[in-house]
Amino acid sequence: MNIDAKLDPQVIHQRLGVEAYSDHEVGVMVEVLQELYADRELEDLSEAEWLRAYGLMHQRKKTGWMTEGVVAPDAEV
């Protein structure tokens, strides 16, 4: 599945865990994936790339304002 404006949130919900994550968290994860990995295939993301997006999703869901430019750009992933 291509990471673009048509990315199906249900696919992300399944990957994160339907019982464990809310629609809000899934929406934030979709936004993060679209920002970080636009036009890539979801299945082609490495575990490190997925975990980077996952960590950023958790930061944003709590604060609502952290973006890629705010997070330490030189941090190792």
C-alpha atoms as a PDB file:
ATOM      1  CA  MET A   1       0.000   0.000   0.000  1.00  0.00           C
ATOM      2  CA  ASN A   2       1.363   3.368  -1.070  1.00  0.00           C
ATOM      3  CA  ILE A   3       1.821   6.022   1.625  1.00  0.00           C
ATOM      4  CA  ASP A   4      -0.087   8.932   0.135  1.00  0.00           C
ATOM      5  CA  ALA A   5      -3.248  10.958   0.717  1.00  0.00           C
ATOM      6  CA  LYS A   6      -5.319   7.807   0.066  1.00  0.00           C
ATOM      7  CA  LEU A   7      -3.597   5.725   2.763  1.00  0.00           C
ATOM      8  CA  ASP A   8      -6.326   3.653   4.415  1.00  0.00           C
ATOM      9  CA  PRO A   9      -6.331   4.257   8.188  1.00  0.00           C
ATOM     10  CA  GLN A  10      -7.746   0.756   8.719  1.00  0.00           C
ATOM     11  CA  VAL A  11      -4.520  -0.760   7.398  1.00  0.00           C
ATOM     12  CA  ILE A  12      -2.542   1.245   9.953  1.00  0.00           C
ATOM     13  CA  HIS A  13      -5.056   0.367  12.669  1.00  0.00           C
ATOM     14  CA  GLN A  14      -4.553  -3.337  11.932  1.00  0.00           C
ATOM     15  CA  ARG A  15      -0.763  -2.986  12.014  1.00  0.00           C
ATOM     16  CA  LEU A  16      -0.775  -1.049  15.293  1.00  0.00           C
ATOM     17  CA  GLY A  17      -3.404  -3.260  16.898  1.00  0.00           C
ATOM     18  CA  VAL A  18      -7.136  -2.640  16.771  1.00  0.00           C
ATOM     19  CA  GLU A  19      -7.674  -3.252  20.476  1.00  0.00           C
ATOM     20  CA  ALA A  20      -4.708  -1.178  21.621  1.00  0.00           C
ATOM     21  CA  TYR A  21      -4.965   2.044  19.593  1.00  0.00           C
ATOM     22  CA  SER A  22      -7.656   4.693  19.206  1.00  0.00           C
ATOM     23  CA  ASP A  23      -8.804   6.311  15.981  1.00  0.00           C
ATOM     24  CA  HIS A  24      -6.989   9.470  17.098  1.00  0.00           C
ATOM     25  CA  GLU A  25      -3.677   7.630  17.447  1.00  0.00           C
ATOM     26  CA  VAL A  26      -4.161   5.969  14.074  1.00  0.00           C
ATOM     27  CA  GLY A  27      -4.886   9.353  12.495  1.00  0.00           C
ATOM     28  CA  VAL A  28      -1.702  10.802  13.962  1.00  0.00           C
ATOM     29  CA  MET A  29       0.286   7.791  12.715  1.00  0.00           C
ATOM     30  CA  VAL A  30      -1.140   8.207   9.206  1.00  0.00           C
ATOM     31  CA  GLU A  31      -0.083  11.879   9.225  1.00  0.00           C
ATOM     32  CA  VAL A  32       3.420  10.997  10.429  1.00  0.00           C
ATOM     33  CA  LEU A  33       3.832   8.283   7.786  1.00  0.00           C
ATOM     34  CA  GLN A  34       2.658  10.653   5.062  1.00  0.00           C
ATOM     35  CA  GLU A  35       5.144  13.304   6.188  1.00  0.00           C
ATOM     36  CA  LEU A  36       8.139  11.021   6.640  1.00  0.00           C
ATOM     37  CA  TYR A  37       7.648   8.458   3.897  1.00  0.00           C
ATOM     38  CA  ALA A  38       5.390   9.976   1.245  1.00  0.00           C
ATOM     39  CA  ASP A  39       5.049   7.892  -1.915  1.00  0.00           C
ATOM     40  CA  ARG A  40       6.793   4.870  -0.401  1.00  0.00           C
ATOM     41  CA  GLU A  41       5.216   1.471  -0.027  1.00  0.00           C
ATOM     42  CA  LEU A  42       4.127   0.744   3.545  1.00  0.00           C
ATOM     43  CA  GLU A  43       5.380  -2.821   3.239  1.00  0.00           C
ATOM     44  CA  ASP A  44       8.857  -1.587   2.228  1.00  0.00           C
ATOM     45  CA  LEU A  45       9.485   0.401   5.402  1.00  0.00           C
ATOM     46  CA  SER A  46      12.241  -1.042   7.530  1.00  0.00           C
ATOM     47  CA  GLU A  47      11.614  -1.787  11.184  1.00  0.00           C
ATOM     48  CA  ALA A  48      13.750   1.240  12.101  1.00  0.00           C
ATOM     49  CA  GLU A  49      11.650   3.504   9.857  1.00  0.00           C
ATOM     50  CA  TRP A  50       8.402   2.162  11.317  1.00  0.00           C
ATOM     51  CA  LEU A  51       9.689   2.626  14.859  1.00  0.00           C
ATOM     52  CA  ARG A  52      10.798   6.174  14.093  1.00  0.00           C
ATOM     53  CA  ALA A  53       7.275   6.998  12.880  1.00  0.00           C
ATOM     54  CA  TYR A  54       5.777   5.170  15.865  1.00  0.00           C
ATOM     55  CA  GLY A  55       7.861   7.184  18.321  1.00  0.00           C
ATOM     56  CA  LEU A  56       6.951  10.452  16.640  1.00  0.00           C
ATOM     57  CA  MET A  57       3.278   9.452  16.693  1.00  0.00           C
ATOM     58  CA  HIS A  58       3.479   8.964  20.456  1.00  0.00           C
ATOM     59  CA  GLN A  59       5.142  12.368  20.901  1.00  0.00           C
ATOM     60  CA  ARG A  60       2.500  14.105  18.811  1.00  0.00           C
ATOM     61  CA  LYS A  61      -0.503  12.388  20.328  1.00  0.00           C
ATOM     62  CA  LYS A  62       0.548  13.709  23.739  1.00  0.00           C
ATOM     63  CA  THR A  63       1.622  17.211  22.739  1.00  0.00           C
ATOM     64  CA  GLY A  64      -0.192  17.835  19.492  1.00  0.00           C
ATOM     65  CA  TRP A  65       2.554  20.062  18.144  1.00  0.00           C
ATOM     66  CA  MET A  66       5.768  18.129  17.579  1.00  0.00           C
ATOM     67  CA  THR A  67       6.720  17.999  13.955  1.00  0.00           C
ATOM     68  CA  GLU A  68       9.733  16.621  12.122  1.00  0.00           C
ATOM     69  CA  GLY A  69      11.403  20.046  12.330  1.00  0.00           C
ATOM     70  CA  VAL A  70      11.003  20.192  16.103  1.00  0.00           C
ATOM     71  CA  VAL A  71      12.312  16.726  16.867  1.00  0.00           C
ATOM     72  CA  ALA A  72      16.108  16.549  17.053  1.00  0.00           C
ATOM     73  CA  PRO A  73      17.140  16.214  13.391  1.00  0.00           C
ATOM     74  CA  ASP A  74      20.476  14.613  14.249  1.00  0.00           C
ATOM     75  CA  ALA A  75      19.056  11.967  16.559  1.00  0.00           C
ATOM     76  CA  GLU A  76      20.072   8.468  15.613  1.00  0.00           C
ATOM     77  CA  VAL A  77      17.245   6.178  14.701  1.00  0.00           C
END
